[in-house]
């Protein structure tokens, strides 16, 4: 009985951790409100609100990262949505598809490293750094692929049809995208050659900025 209580306590976030996750959620919401002066395809724009979620996922695990994504989108949907909440739903689902594999695999890697007993010399340290770097590239690439595939399926079957109902039909949506990228002719081409490359580039940008911001803040955030 005592061991179960201890296990449950260890699985919970401390008060400091909860406060930090809350602050990261608030920061994510603020970053979501910052708009760049241009939009890809006329309605997509790169924003930096996933970076706090990446930090939360790497430090506290995937649940914390998804929580940050949920909070920022709930606040945006109820206070400042311009898409009938469709955009916020899409942002949460697609971003979570990126955060979950990154957070899960990173935590598993950290647990494995803690369990390993190795001789610390200059050669092994160098090899470990190389392995760590390759592993980070792998998990971020996997997260980007997961986000892009999830985004393609959700946009084709759910999100873009919902947008079409809200904003005048699919021809209107395709027309806006086509005026910015002439190769877009229909829903399929909009998803394949329009939205998917955007999600890939977004994944790369979030990975690079998120990782180096995490490295900068890691020692200053309660773990």
N, C-alpha and C. Protein backbone atom coordinates (compact mmCIF):
# COMPACT_ATOMS: atom_id res chain seq x y z
N UNK A 1 0.83 -1.21 0.00
CA UNK A 1 0.00 0.00 0.00
C UNK A 1 0.86 1.25 0.00
N UNK A 2 1.88 1.24 0.85
CA UNK A 2 2.77 2.38 0.95
C UNK A 2 3.49 2.62 -0.37
N UNK A 3 3.94 1.55 -1.03
CA UNK A 3 4.66 1.69 -2.30
C UNK A 3 3.76 2.27 -3.37
N UNK A 4 2.46 1.92 -3.34
CA UNK A 4 1.52 2.47 -4.32
C UNK A 4 1.36 3.98 -4.15
N UNK A 5 1.29 4.41 -2.89
CA UNK A 5 1.16 5.84 -2.61
C UNK A 5 2.38 6.60 -3.10
N UNK A 6 3.56 6.03 -2.86
CA UNK A 6 4.81 6.65 -3.29
C UNK A 6 4.84 6.75 -4.80
N UNK A 7 4.43 5.68 -5.48
CA UNK A 7 4.42 5.68 -6.94
C UNK A 7 3.48 6.75 -7.48
N UNK A 8 2.30 6.88 -6.85
CA UNK A 8 1.35 7.88 -7.31
C UNK A 8 1.89 9.28 -7.11
N UNK A 9 2.56 9.50 -6.00
CA UNK A 9 3.13 10.82 -5.75
C UNK A 9 4.21 11.17 -6.77
N UNK A 10 5.00 10.19 -7.09
CA UNK A 10 6.07 10.43 -8.06
C UNK A 10 5.51 10.72 -9.44
N UNK A 11 4.34 10.19 -9.73
CA UNK A 11 3.77 10.37 -11.06
C UNK A 11 3.10 11.73 -11.23
N UNK A 12 2.85 12.41 -10.09
CA UNK A 12 2.19 13.70 -10.16
C UNK A 12 3.19 14.81 -10.40
N UNK A 13 2.68 15.94 -10.97
CA UNK A 13 3.51 17.12 -11.10
C UNK A 13 3.55 17.84 -9.76
N UNK A 14 4.71 18.41 -9.44
CA UNK A 14 4.80 19.22 -8.24
C UNK A 14 4.13 20.56 -8.49
N UNK A 15 3.94 21.32 -7.41
CA UNK A 15 3.31 22.64 -7.55
C UNK A 15 4.12 23.54 -8.47
N UNK A 16 5.45 23.52 -8.30
CA UNK A 16 6.31 24.34 -9.16
C UNK A 16 6.19 23.93 -10.62
N UNK A 17 6.12 22.63 -10.84
CA UNK A 17 5.99 22.16 -12.21
C UNK A 17 4.66 22.58 -12.83
N UNK A 18 3.59 22.49 -12.04
CA UNK A 18 2.28 22.91 -12.53
C UNK A 18 2.26 24.40 -12.86
N UNK A 19 2.90 25.19 -12.01
CA UNK A 19 2.99 26.64 -12.27
C UNK A 19 3.76 26.89 -13.56
N UNK A 20 4.87 26.17 -13.74
CA UNK A 20 5.67 26.34 -14.95
C UNK A 20 4.90 25.94 -16.20
N UNK A 21 4.18 24.83 -16.12
CA UNK A 21 3.36 24.39 -17.25
C UNK A 21 2.27 25.42 -17.56
N UNK A 22 1.70 26.00 -16.50
CA UNK A 22 0.71 27.05 -16.70
C UNK A 22 1.30 28.27 -17.38
N UNK A 23 2.50 28.65 -16.97
CA UNK A 23 3.17 29.79 -17.59
C UNK A 23 3.51 29.51 -19.05
N UNK A 24 3.93 28.28 -19.33
CA UNK A 24 4.22 27.91 -20.72
C UNK A 24 2.94 27.94 -21.56
N UNK A 25 1.82 27.53 -20.97
CA UNK A 25 0.54 27.58 -21.67
C UNK A 25 0.15 29.02 -21.99
N UNK A 26 0.33 29.91 -21.00
CA UNK A 26 0.02 31.32 -21.21
C UNK A 26 0.92 31.92 -22.28
N UNK A 27 2.20 31.56 -22.26
CA UNK A 27 3.14 32.05 -23.27
C UNK A 27 2.74 31.56 -24.65
N UNK A 28 2.33 30.29 -24.73
CA UNK A 28 1.90 29.73 -26.01
C UNK A 28 0.71 30.50 -26.57
N UNK A 29 -0.22 30.87 -25.71
CA UNK A 29 -1.39 31.64 -26.15
C UNK A 29 -0.97 33.02 -26.67
N UNK A 30 -0.09 33.68 -25.93
CA UNK A 30 0.39 35.00 -26.36
C UNK A 30 1.09 34.89 -27.72
N UNK A 31 1.93 33.88 -27.87
CA UNK A 31 2.63 33.69 -29.15
C UNK A 31 1.66 33.40 -30.28
N UNK A 32 0.55 32.75 -29.96
CA UNK A 32 -0.46 32.44 -30.96
C UNK A 32 -1.13 33.71 -31.50
N UNK A 33 -1.10 34.77 -30.72
CA UNK A 33 -1.73 36.03 -31.12
C UNK A 33 -0.82 36.91 -31.96
N UNK A 34 0.46 36.53 -32.04
CA UNK A 34 1.41 37.32 -32.84
C UNK A 34 1.29 36.89 -34.30
N UNK A 35 0.99 37.82 -35.16
CA UNK A 35 0.77 37.52 -36.58
C UNK A 35 1.89 38.10 -37.44
N UNK A 36 2.44 37.29 -38.31
CA UNK A 36 3.42 37.76 -39.27
C UNK A 36 2.70 38.51 -40.40
N UNK A 37 3.41 39.38 -41.12
CA UNK A 37 2.75 40.22 -42.13
C UNK A 37 2.40 39.49 -43.43
N UNK A 38 2.58 38.20 -43.49
CA UNK A 38 2.24 37.45 -44.71
C UNK A 38 1.61 36.12 -44.35
N UNK A 39 0.81 35.59 -45.27
CA UNK A 39 0.15 34.30 -45.06
C UNK A 39 0.41 33.40 -46.26
N UNK A 40 0.76 32.17 -45.98
CA UNK A 40 0.97 31.18 -47.03
C UNK A 40 -0.38 30.67 -47.54
N UNK A 41 -0.54 30.63 -48.83
CA UNK A 41 -1.79 30.22 -49.48
C UNK A 41 -2.96 31.15 -49.15
N UNK A 42 -2.65 32.29 -48.57
CA UNK A 42 -3.68 33.25 -48.26
C UNK A 42 -4.35 33.07 -46.91
N UNK A 43 -4.12 31.93 -46.25
CA UNK A 43 -4.79 31.71 -44.96
C UNK A 43 -3.95 30.96 -43.93
N UNK A 44 -2.74 30.54 -44.29
CA UNK A 44 -1.87 29.86 -43.34
C UNK A 44 -0.70 30.77 -42.97
N UNK A 45 -0.35 30.81 -41.70
CA UNK A 45 0.79 31.61 -41.29
C UNK A 45 1.62 30.86 -40.25
N UNK A 46 2.91 31.04 -40.33
CA UNK A 46 3.78 30.40 -39.35
C UNK A 46 3.70 31.15 -38.04
N UNK A 47 3.48 30.44 -36.96
CA UNK A 47 3.48 31.05 -35.64
C UNK A 47 4.28 30.18 -34.68
N UNK A 48 4.67 30.80 -33.58
CA UNK A 48 5.67 30.20 -32.70
C UNK A 48 5.07 29.58 -31.44
N UNK A 49 3.75 29.41 -31.42
CA UNK A 49 3.10 28.98 -30.19
C UNK A 49 3.36 27.52 -29.83
N UNK A 50 3.90 26.73 -30.75
CA UNK A 50 4.22 25.34 -30.44
C UNK A 50 5.52 25.20 -29.65
N UNK A 51 6.32 26.24 -29.64
CA UNK A 51 7.63 26.16 -28.97
C UNK A 51 7.49 25.92 -27.46
N UNK A 52 6.62 26.63 -26.74
CA UNK A 52 6.44 26.30 -25.32
C UNK A 52 5.95 24.87 -25.10
N UNK A 53 5.15 24.35 -26.01
CA UNK A 53 4.68 22.96 -25.89
C UNK A 53 5.84 21.98 -26.07
N UNK A 54 6.76 22.28 -26.98
CA UNK A 54 7.95 21.44 -27.16
C UNK A 54 8.78 21.43 -25.88
N UNK A 55 8.97 22.61 -25.30
CA UNK A 55 9.74 22.71 -24.05
C UNK A 55 9.08 21.88 -22.95
N UNK A 56 7.76 22.02 -22.81
CA UNK A 56 7.04 21.26 -21.79
C UNK A 56 7.16 19.76 -22.03
N UNK A 57 7.05 19.33 -23.28
CA UNK A 57 7.13 17.91 -23.60
C UNK A 57 8.51 17.33 -23.32
N UNK A 58 9.56 18.08 -23.61
CA UNK A 58 10.91 17.60 -23.40
C UNK A 58 11.28 17.56 -21.92
N UNK A 59 10.76 18.50 -21.15
CA UNK A 59 11.10 18.54 -19.72
C UNK A 59 10.18 17.66 -18.88
N UNK A 60 8.87 17.73 -19.14
CA UNK A 60 7.90 17.05 -18.28
C UNK A 60 7.21 15.85 -18.93
N UNK A 61 7.37 15.67 -20.23
CA UNK A 61 6.74 14.54 -20.89
C UNK A 61 5.62 14.96 -21.84
N UNK A 62 5.12 14.03 -22.62
CA UNK A 62 4.14 14.34 -23.67
C UNK A 62 2.82 14.91 -23.13
N UNK A 63 2.38 14.44 -21.96
CA UNK A 63 1.12 14.94 -21.43
C UNK A 63 1.19 16.45 -21.19
N UNK A 64 2.31 16.91 -20.66
CA UNK A 64 2.47 18.34 -20.40
C UNK A 64 2.45 19.13 -21.70
N UNK A 65 3.11 18.60 -22.73
CA UNK A 65 3.12 19.29 -24.02
C UNK A 65 1.74 19.39 -24.64
N UNK A 66 0.97 18.29 -24.57
CA UNK A 66 -0.39 18.29 -25.10
C UNK A 66 -1.28 19.22 -24.27
N UNK A 67 -1.05 19.28 -22.97
CA UNK A 67 -1.82 20.18 -22.12
C UNK A 67 -1.60 21.64 -22.53
N UNK A 68 -0.36 22.00 -22.81
CA UNK A 68 -0.06 23.36 -23.27
C UNK A 68 -0.81 23.66 -24.56
N UNK A 69 -0.79 22.70 -25.49
CA UNK A 69 -1.51 22.86 -26.75
C UNK A 69 -3.01 23.03 -26.51
N UNK A 70 -3.55 22.24 -25.59
CA UNK A 70 -4.99 22.30 -25.30
C UNK A 70 -5.38 23.64 -24.71
N UNK A 71 -4.63 24.10 -23.72
CA UNK A 71 -4.97 25.36 -23.04
C UNK A 71 -4.90 26.54 -24.00
N UNK A 72 -3.84 26.63 -24.78
CA UNK A 72 -3.70 27.79 -25.68
C UNK A 72 -4.84 27.82 -26.69
N UNK A 73 -5.23 26.65 -27.20
CA UNK A 73 -6.29 26.61 -28.20
C UNK A 73 -7.67 26.83 -27.60
N UNK A 74 -7.90 26.35 -26.37
CA UNK A 74 -9.17 26.62 -25.71
C UNK A 74 -9.36 28.11 -25.45
N UNK A 75 -8.29 28.76 -24.98
CA UNK A 75 -8.39 30.20 -24.72
C UNK A 75 -8.62 30.96 -26.03
N UNK A 76 -7.85 30.59 -27.05
CA UNK A 76 -8.00 31.28 -28.34
C UNK A 76 -9.40 31.04 -28.93
N UNK A 77 -9.89 29.81 -28.82
CA UNK A 77 -11.20 29.48 -29.40
C UNK A 77 -12.33 30.24 -28.73
N UNK A 78 -12.19 30.49 -27.43
CA UNK A 78 -13.28 31.14 -26.69
C UNK A 78 -13.14 32.66 -26.61
N UNK A 79 -11.98 33.18 -27.02
CA UNK A 79 -11.78 34.63 -26.89
C UNK A 79 -11.46 35.34 -28.19
N UNK A 80 -10.78 34.68 -29.10
CA UNK A 80 -10.28 35.41 -30.27
C UNK A 80 -10.32 34.60 -31.56
N UNK A 81 -11.19 33.61 -31.65
CA UNK A 81 -11.24 32.79 -32.85
C UNK A 81 -11.82 33.58 -34.03
N UNK A 82 -11.19 33.43 -35.19
CA UNK A 82 -11.70 34.04 -36.43
C UNK A 82 -12.13 32.96 -37.43
N UNK A 83 -12.16 31.71 -36.97
CA UNK A 83 -12.45 30.60 -37.88
C UNK A 83 -13.59 29.72 -37.36
N UNK A 84 -14.40 30.25 -36.47
CA UNK A 84 -15.48 29.44 -35.92
C UNK A 84 -14.97 28.27 -35.12
N UNK A 85 -13.79 28.42 -34.52
CA UNK A 85 -13.12 27.40 -33.69
C UNK A 85 -12.54 26.24 -34.50
N UNK A 86 -12.75 26.24 -35.81
CA UNK A 86 -12.20 25.17 -36.65
C UNK A 86 -10.67 25.23 -36.66
N UNK A 87 -10.13 26.43 -36.78
CA UNK A 87 -8.68 26.59 -36.81
C UNK A 87 -8.03 26.12 -35.53
N UNK A 88 -8.65 26.42 -34.41
CA UNK A 88 -8.10 26.01 -33.11
C UNK A 88 -8.14 24.50 -32.94
N UNK A 89 -9.24 23.88 -33.40
CA UNK A 89 -9.33 22.42 -33.33
C UNK A 89 -8.25 21.78 -34.20
N UNK A 90 -8.07 22.31 -35.39
CA UNK A 90 -7.04 21.78 -36.29
C UNK A 90 -5.65 21.96 -35.69
N UNK A 91 -5.41 23.14 -35.11
CA UNK A 91 -4.10 23.41 -34.51
C UNK A 91 -3.81 22.44 -33.38
N UNK A 92 -4.81 22.18 -32.53
CA UNK A 92 -4.61 21.27 -31.39
C UNK A 92 -4.31 19.85 -31.87
N UNK A 93 -5.11 19.33 -32.78
CA UNK A 93 -4.94 17.94 -33.23
C UNK A 93 -3.64 17.74 -33.98
N UNK A 94 -3.32 18.66 -34.87
CA UNK A 94 -2.11 18.51 -35.69
C UNK A 94 -0.86 18.73 -34.85
N UNK A 95 -0.89 19.75 -33.98
CA UNK A 95 0.27 20.00 -33.11
C UNK A 95 0.48 18.85 -32.13
N UNK A 96 -0.61 18.28 -31.62
CA UNK A 96 -0.49 17.15 -30.69
C UNK A 96 0.12 15.93 -31.38
N UNK A 97 -0.18 15.77 -32.66
CA UNK A 97 0.40 14.66 -33.42
C UNK A 97 1.92 14.80 -33.52
N UNK A 98 2.40 16.03 -33.43
CA UNK A 98 3.84 16.28 -33.42
C UNK A 98 4.42 16.12 -32.01
N UNK A 99 3.73 16.68 -31.02
CA UNK A 99 4.24 16.70 -29.65
C UNK A 99 4.31 15.31 -29.04
N UNK A 100 3.31 14.47 -29.28
CA UNK A 100 3.25 13.16 -28.60
C UNK A 100 4.45 12.27 -28.91
N UNK A 101 4.79 12.00 -30.19
CA UNK A 101 5.96 11.14 -30.42
C UNK A 101 7.26 11.75 -29.93
N UNK A 102 7.40 13.07 -30.07
CA UNK A 102 8.62 13.73 -29.59
C UNK A 102 8.74 13.57 -28.07
N UNK A 103 7.67 13.86 -27.35
CA UNK A 103 7.70 13.76 -25.89
C UNK A 103 7.88 12.35 -25.38
N UNK A 104 7.16 11.40 -25.99
CA UNK A 104 7.24 9.99 -25.54
C UNK A 104 8.64 9.43 -25.77
N UNK A 105 9.17 9.59 -26.96
CA UNK A 105 10.48 9.01 -27.29
C UNK A 105 11.60 9.67 -26.50
N UNK A 106 11.49 10.98 -26.27
CA UNK A 106 12.53 11.66 -25.50
C UNK A 106 12.54 11.18 -24.05
N UNK A 107 11.37 11.03 -23.47
CA UNK A 107 11.30 10.54 -22.09
C UNK A 107 11.84 9.11 -21.98
N UNK A 108 11.49 8.26 -22.95
CA UNK A 108 12.01 6.89 -22.94
C UNK A 108 13.53 6.88 -23.05
N UNK A 109 14.06 7.77 -23.88
CA UNK A 109 15.51 7.88 -24.04
C UNK A 109 16.17 8.32 -22.74
N UNK A 110 15.59 9.29 -22.06
CA UNK A 110 16.16 9.78 -20.81
C UNK A 110 16.13 8.70 -19.72
N UNK A 111 15.04 7.94 -19.65
CA UNK A 111 14.95 6.85 -18.68
C UNK A 111 16.01 5.79 -18.95
N UNK A 112 16.21 5.48 -20.22
CA UNK A 112 17.21 4.48 -20.58
C UNK A 112 18.61 4.95 -20.21
N UNK A 113 18.89 6.23 -20.43
CA UNK A 113 20.21 6.76 -20.10
C UNK A 113 20.46 6.73 -18.60
N UNK A 114 19.43 6.99 -17.81
CA UNK A 114 19.59 6.96 -16.36
C UNK A 114 19.86 5.54 -15.84
N UNK A 115 19.35 4.55 -16.55
CA UNK A 115 19.51 3.17 -16.12
C UNK A 115 20.85 2.57 -16.56
N UNK A 116 21.46 3.19 -17.55
CA UNK A 116 22.71 2.65 -18.07
C UNK A 116 23.88 3.07 -17.18
N UNK A 117 24.80 2.16 -16.97
CA UNK A 117 26.02 2.45 -16.24
C UNK A 117 27.17 2.37 -17.23
N UNK A 118 27.79 3.52 -17.51
CA UNK A 118 28.86 3.55 -18.51
C UNK A 118 30.10 4.20 -17.92
N UNK A 119 31.23 3.91 -18.50
CA UNK A 119 32.50 4.53 -18.10
C UNK A 119 32.59 5.88 -18.80
N UNK A 120 32.70 6.93 -18.02
CA UNK A 120 32.71 8.27 -18.56
C UNK A 120 34.15 8.69 -18.91
N UNK A 121 34.50 8.56 -20.15
CA UNK A 121 35.77 9.11 -20.62
C UNK A 121 35.51 9.96 -21.85
N UNK A 122 36.53 10.60 -22.36
CA UNK A 122 36.34 11.54 -23.46
C UNK A 122 35.77 10.86 -24.70
N UNK A 123 36.18 9.61 -24.94
CA UNK A 123 35.70 8.91 -26.12
C UNK A 123 34.21 8.59 -26.01
N UNK A 124 33.80 8.04 -24.85
CA UNK A 124 32.40 7.68 -24.69
C UNK A 124 31.52 8.93 -24.67
N UNK A 125 32.00 10.01 -24.08
CA UNK A 125 31.24 11.25 -24.06
C UNK A 125 31.01 11.77 -25.48
N UNK A 126 32.05 11.69 -26.30
CA UNK A 126 31.93 12.13 -27.69
C UNK A 126 30.91 11.28 -28.44
N UNK A 127 30.98 9.96 -28.22
CA UNK A 127 30.04 9.06 -28.88
C UNK A 127 28.61 9.32 -28.39
N UNK A 128 28.46 9.57 -27.09
CA UNK A 128 27.14 9.84 -26.53
C UNK A 128 26.54 11.11 -27.11
N UNK A 129 27.37 12.15 -27.28
CA UNK A 129 26.88 13.40 -27.86
C UNK A 129 26.40 13.19 -29.28
N UNK A 130 27.16 12.38 -30.03
CA UNK A 130 26.76 12.09 -31.41
C UNK A 130 25.46 11.32 -31.45
N UNK A 131 25.36 10.29 -30.57
CA UNK A 131 24.12 9.50 -30.49
C UNK A 131 22.93 10.36 -30.07
N UNK A 132 23.17 11.25 -29.11
CA UNK A 132 22.09 12.13 -28.64
C UNK A 132 21.62 13.06 -29.75
N UNK A 133 22.58 13.60 -30.50
CA UNK A 133 22.24 14.51 -31.59
C UNK A 133 21.43 13.79 -32.67
N UNK A 134 21.87 12.59 -33.03
CA UNK A 134 21.15 11.81 -34.04
C UNK A 134 19.76 11.42 -33.55
N UNK A 135 19.67 11.11 -32.26
CA UNK A 135 18.38 10.74 -31.69
C UNK A 135 17.41 11.92 -31.73
N UNK A 136 17.90 13.12 -31.38
CA UNK A 136 17.04 14.30 -31.42
C UNK A 136 16.57 14.59 -32.84
N UNK A 137 17.46 14.45 -33.80
CA UNK A 137 17.07 14.64 -35.20
C UNK A 137 16.00 13.63 -35.59
N UNK A 138 16.18 12.39 -35.14
CA UNK A 138 15.22 11.34 -35.46
C UNK A 138 13.84 11.63 -34.88
N UNK A 139 13.77 11.99 -33.59
CA UNK A 139 12.46 12.18 -32.98
C UNK A 139 11.77 13.42 -33.53
N UNK A 140 12.53 14.46 -33.82
CA UNK A 140 11.92 15.65 -34.40
C UNK A 140 11.45 15.38 -35.83
N UNK A 141 12.23 14.60 -36.57
CA UNK A 141 11.80 14.22 -37.93
C UNK A 141 10.54 13.37 -37.87
N UNK A 142 10.50 12.43 -36.92
CA UNK A 142 9.32 11.58 -36.76
C UNK A 142 8.10 12.42 -36.38
N UNK A 143 8.29 13.38 -35.48
CA UNK A 143 7.21 14.27 -35.10
C UNK A 143 6.70 15.08 -36.28
N UNK A 144 7.63 15.55 -37.11
CA UNK A 144 7.25 16.34 -38.29
C UNK A 144 6.47 15.50 -39.29
N UNK A 145 6.90 14.25 -39.49
CA UNK A 145 6.18 13.34 -40.40
C UNK A 145 4.79 13.06 -39.85
N UNK A 146 4.70 12.79 -38.54
CA UNK A 146 3.40 12.51 -37.92
C UNK A 146 2.46 13.71 -38.05
N UNK A 147 3.01 14.90 -37.83
CA UNK A 147 2.20 16.10 -37.95
C UNK A 147 1.73 16.31 -39.39
N UNK A 148 2.62 16.08 -40.35
CA UNK A 148 2.27 16.29 -41.76
C UNK A 148 1.22 15.30 -42.23
N UNK A 149 1.36 14.03 -41.85
CA UNK A 149 0.38 13.02 -42.25
C UNK A 149 -0.98 13.27 -41.58
N UNK A 150 -0.93 13.59 -40.28
CA UNK A 150 -2.18 13.89 -39.56
C UNK A 150 -2.84 15.12 -40.17
N UNK A 151 -2.04 16.13 -40.47
CA UNK A 151 -2.58 17.34 -41.07
C UNK A 151 -3.21 17.08 -42.42
N UNK A 152 -2.57 16.24 -43.24
CA UNK A 152 -3.11 15.92 -44.56
C UNK A 152 -4.47 15.22 -44.45
N UNK A 153 -4.55 14.23 -43.59
CA UNK A 153 -5.80 13.47 -43.44
C UNK A 153 -6.91 14.32 -42.84
N UNK A 154 -6.57 15.07 -41.76
CA UNK A 154 -7.59 15.90 -41.12
C UNK A 154 -8.09 17.01 -42.04
N UNK A 155 -7.17 17.63 -42.76
CA UNK A 155 -7.58 18.72 -43.65
C UNK A 155 -8.42 18.21 -44.81
N UNK A 156 -8.05 17.06 -45.35
CA UNK A 156 -8.79 16.54 -46.51
C UNK A 156 -10.20 16.09 -46.13
N UNK A 157 -10.31 15.40 -45.02
CA UNK A 157 -11.59 14.78 -44.68
C UNK A 157 -12.46 15.62 -43.73
N UNK A 158 -11.84 16.49 -42.93
CA UNK A 158 -12.62 17.17 -41.89
C UNK A 158 -12.48 18.69 -41.94
N UNK A 159 -11.25 19.19 -41.78
CA UNK A 159 -11.05 20.61 -41.56
C UNK A 159 -11.43 21.48 -42.75
N UNK A 160 -10.90 21.16 -43.92
CA UNK A 160 -11.22 21.98 -45.09
C UNK A 160 -12.70 21.92 -45.47
N UNK A 161 -13.35 20.75 -45.39
CA UNK A 161 -14.81 20.75 -45.61
C UNK A 161 -15.56 21.63 -44.61
N UNK A 162 -15.09 21.66 -43.33
CA UNK A 162 -15.72 22.54 -42.35
C UNK A 162 -15.48 24.01 -42.71
N UNK A 163 -14.25 24.34 -43.08
CA UNK A 163 -13.96 25.70 -43.53
C UNK A 163 -14.86 26.08 -44.70
N UNK A 164 -15.02 25.14 -45.63
CA UNK A 164 -15.84 25.41 -46.82
C UNK A 164 -17.28 25.75 -46.45
N UNK A 165 -17.83 25.04 -45.47
CA UNK A 165 -19.19 25.33 -45.02
C UNK A 165 -19.31 26.70 -44.38
N UNK A 166 -18.25 27.12 -43.70
CA UNK A 166 -18.27 28.40 -43.00
C UNK A 166 -17.98 29.59 -43.90
N UNK A 167 -17.18 29.37 -44.94
CA UNK A 167 -16.69 30.50 -45.73
C UNK A 167 -17.04 30.42 -47.20
N UNK A 168 -18.19 29.85 -47.54
CA UNK A 168 -18.70 30.00 -48.90
C UNK A 168 -18.48 28.87 -49.86
N UNK A 169 -18.01 27.73 -49.41
CA UNK A 169 -17.85 26.59 -50.29
C UNK A 169 -16.40 26.25 -50.60
N UNK A 170 -16.18 25.02 -51.06
CA UNK A 170 -14.83 24.55 -51.34
C UNK A 170 -14.18 25.33 -52.48
N UNK A 171 -14.98 25.76 -53.46
CA UNK A 171 -14.42 26.53 -54.58
C UNK A 171 -13.78 27.83 -54.09
N UNK A 172 -14.37 28.42 -53.06
CA UNK A 172 -13.81 29.65 -52.50
C UNK A 172 -12.46 29.37 -51.85
N UNK A 173 -12.39 28.31 -51.05
CA UNK A 173 -11.14 27.96 -50.37
C UNK A 173 -10.06 27.62 -51.37
N UNK A 174 -10.39 26.79 -52.35
CA UNK A 174 -9.42 26.41 -53.38
C UNK A 174 -9.01 27.63 -54.20
N UNK A 175 -9.96 28.52 -54.48
CA UNK A 175 -9.66 29.72 -55.25
C UNK A 175 -8.68 30.63 -54.55
N UNK A 176 -8.84 30.80 -53.23
CA UNK A 176 -7.90 31.62 -52.45
C UNK A 176 -6.50 31.03 -52.52
N UNK A 177 -6.42 29.71 -52.31
CA UNK A 177 -5.11 29.05 -52.37
C UNK A 177 -4.52 29.12 -53.77
N UNK A 178 -5.35 28.93 -54.79
CA UNK A 178 -4.87 28.94 -56.17
C UNK A 178 -4.33 30.30 -56.59
N UNK A 179 -4.91 31.36 -56.05
CA UNK A 179 -4.43 32.70 -56.37
C UNK A 179 -3.03 32.96 -55.81
N UNK A 180 -2.65 32.17 -54.82
CA UNK A 180 -1.32 32.29 -54.22
C UNK A 180 -0.36 31.21 -54.73
N UNK A 181 -0.92 30.07 -55.15
CA UNK A 181 -0.11 28.97 -55.68
C UNK A 181 -0.89 28.35 -56.83
N UNK A 182 -0.50 28.69 -58.04
CA UNK A 182 -1.30 28.34 -59.22
C UNK A 182 -1.45 26.84 -59.45
N UNK A 183 -0.54 26.04 -58.89
CA UNK A 183 -0.62 24.59 -59.07
C UNK A 183 -1.79 23.97 -58.33
N UNK A 184 -2.37 24.70 -57.37
CA UNK A 184 -3.52 24.20 -56.62
C UNK A 184 -4.77 24.30 -57.49
N UNK A 185 -5.39 23.15 -57.74
CA UNK A 185 -6.57 23.11 -58.62
C UNK A 185 -7.82 22.57 -57.92
N UNK A 186 -7.61 21.77 -56.87
CA UNK A 186 -8.74 21.15 -56.18
C UNK A 186 -8.33 20.84 -54.75
N UNK A 187 -9.21 20.17 -54.02
CA UNK A 187 -8.95 19.86 -52.61
C UNK A 187 -7.71 19.00 -52.45
N UNK A 188 -7.56 17.97 -53.27
CA UNK A 188 -6.42 17.06 -53.15
C UNK A 188 -5.09 17.80 -53.37
N UNK A 189 -5.02 18.62 -54.42
CA UNK A 189 -3.78 19.35 -54.68
C UNK A 189 -3.52 20.40 -53.62
N UNK A 190 -4.58 20.97 -53.05
CA UNK A 190 -4.40 21.93 -51.96
C UNK A 190 -3.74 21.26 -50.76
N UNK A 191 -4.17 20.04 -50.45
CA UNK A 191 -3.59 19.32 -49.31
C UNK A 191 -2.18 18.84 -49.61
N UNK A 192 -1.97 18.26 -50.82
CA UNK A 192 -0.70 17.59 -51.13
C UNK A 192 0.42 18.59 -51.40
N UNK A 193 0.17 19.56 -52.25
CA UNK A 193 1.25 20.48 -52.64
C UNK A 193 1.15 21.84 -51.95
N UNK A 194 0.10 22.02 -51.16
CA UNK A 194 -0.06 23.28 -50.46
C UNK A 194 0.16 23.15 -48.97
N UNK A 195 -0.74 22.46 -48.30
CA UNK A 195 -0.71 22.39 -46.84
C UNK A 195 0.39 21.48 -46.31
N UNK A 196 0.62 20.34 -46.96
CA UNK A 196 1.64 19.40 -46.46
C UNK A 196 3.04 19.98 -46.45
N UNK A 197 3.50 20.64 -47.53
CA UNK A 197 4.82 21.29 -47.45
C UNK A 197 4.90 22.35 -46.35
N UNK A 198 3.80 23.06 -46.15
CA UNK A 198 3.75 24.06 -45.07
C UNK A 198 3.97 23.38 -43.72
N UNK A 199 3.28 22.25 -43.48
CA UNK A 199 3.44 21.55 -42.20
C UNK A 199 4.84 20.99 -42.02
N UNK A 200 5.45 20.56 -43.11
CA UNK A 200 6.83 20.06 -43.04
C UNK A 200 7.77 21.19 -42.63
N UNK A 201 7.64 22.34 -43.28
CA UNK A 201 8.50 23.47 -42.95
C UNK A 201 8.23 23.97 -41.53
N UNK A 202 6.96 23.95 -41.14
CA UNK A 202 6.61 24.35 -39.77
C UNK A 202 7.25 23.39 -38.76
N UNK A 203 7.19 22.09 -39.05
CA UNK A 203 7.79 21.10 -38.17
C UNK A 203 9.28 21.30 -38.01
N UNK A 204 9.95 21.60 -39.11
CA UNK A 204 11.40 21.85 -39.05
C UNK A 204 11.70 23.09 -38.22
N UNK A 205 10.94 24.16 -38.47
CA UNK A 205 11.17 25.40 -37.73
C UNK A 205 10.90 25.25 -36.25
N UNK A 206 9.80 24.61 -35.90
CA UNK A 206 9.46 24.39 -34.49
C UNK A 206 10.49 23.50 -33.82
N UNK A 207 10.97 22.49 -34.54
CA UNK A 207 11.97 21.58 -33.98
C UNK A 207 13.26 22.32 -33.63
N UNK A 208 13.75 23.10 -34.56
CA UNK A 208 15.02 23.82 -34.34
C UNK A 208 14.87 24.85 -33.22
N UNK A 209 13.86 25.70 -33.33
CA UNK A 209 13.66 26.74 -32.32
C UNK A 209 13.29 26.15 -30.96
N UNK A 210 12.43 25.12 -30.97
CA UNK A 210 12.02 24.49 -29.72
C UNK A 210 13.18 23.83 -29.00
N UNK A 211 14.02 23.11 -29.75
CA UNK A 211 15.13 22.40 -29.12
C UNK A 211 16.14 23.36 -28.52
N UNK A 212 16.53 24.40 -29.26
CA UNK A 212 17.55 25.31 -28.74
C UNK A 212 17.00 26.19 -27.62
N UNK A 213 15.71 26.49 -27.66
CA UNK A 213 15.11 27.20 -26.53
C UNK A 213 15.07 26.30 -25.30
N UNK A 214 14.76 25.03 -25.51
CA UNK A 214 14.79 24.05 -24.42
C UNK A 214 16.19 23.95 -23.81
N UNK A 215 17.20 23.88 -24.66
CA UNK A 215 18.58 23.81 -24.16
C UNK A 215 18.92 25.04 -23.33
N UNK A 216 18.44 26.19 -23.77
CA UNK A 216 18.73 27.45 -23.08
C UNK A 216 18.05 27.51 -21.72
N UNK A 217 16.83 26.97 -21.64
CA UNK A 217 16.02 27.10 -20.41
C UNK A 217 16.09 25.89 -19.50
N UNK A 218 16.64 24.79 -19.98
CA UNK A 218 16.57 23.52 -19.25
C UNK A 218 17.02 23.64 -17.79
N UNK A 219 18.13 24.26 -17.54
CA UNK A 219 18.65 24.35 -16.18
C UNK A 219 17.92 25.36 -15.31
N UNK A 220 17.03 26.15 -15.93
CA UNK A 220 16.36 27.21 -15.18
C UNK A 220 14.90 26.90 -14.88
N UNK A 221 14.42 25.78 -15.38
CA UNK A 221 13.02 25.41 -15.17
C UNK A 221 12.96 24.22 -14.21
N UNK A 222 12.02 24.27 -13.29
CA UNK A 222 11.87 23.19 -12.31
C UNK A 222 11.52 21.88 -12.99
N UNK A 223 12.28 20.80 -12.66
CA UNK A 223 12.03 19.49 -13.26
C UNK A 223 11.41 18.57 -12.23
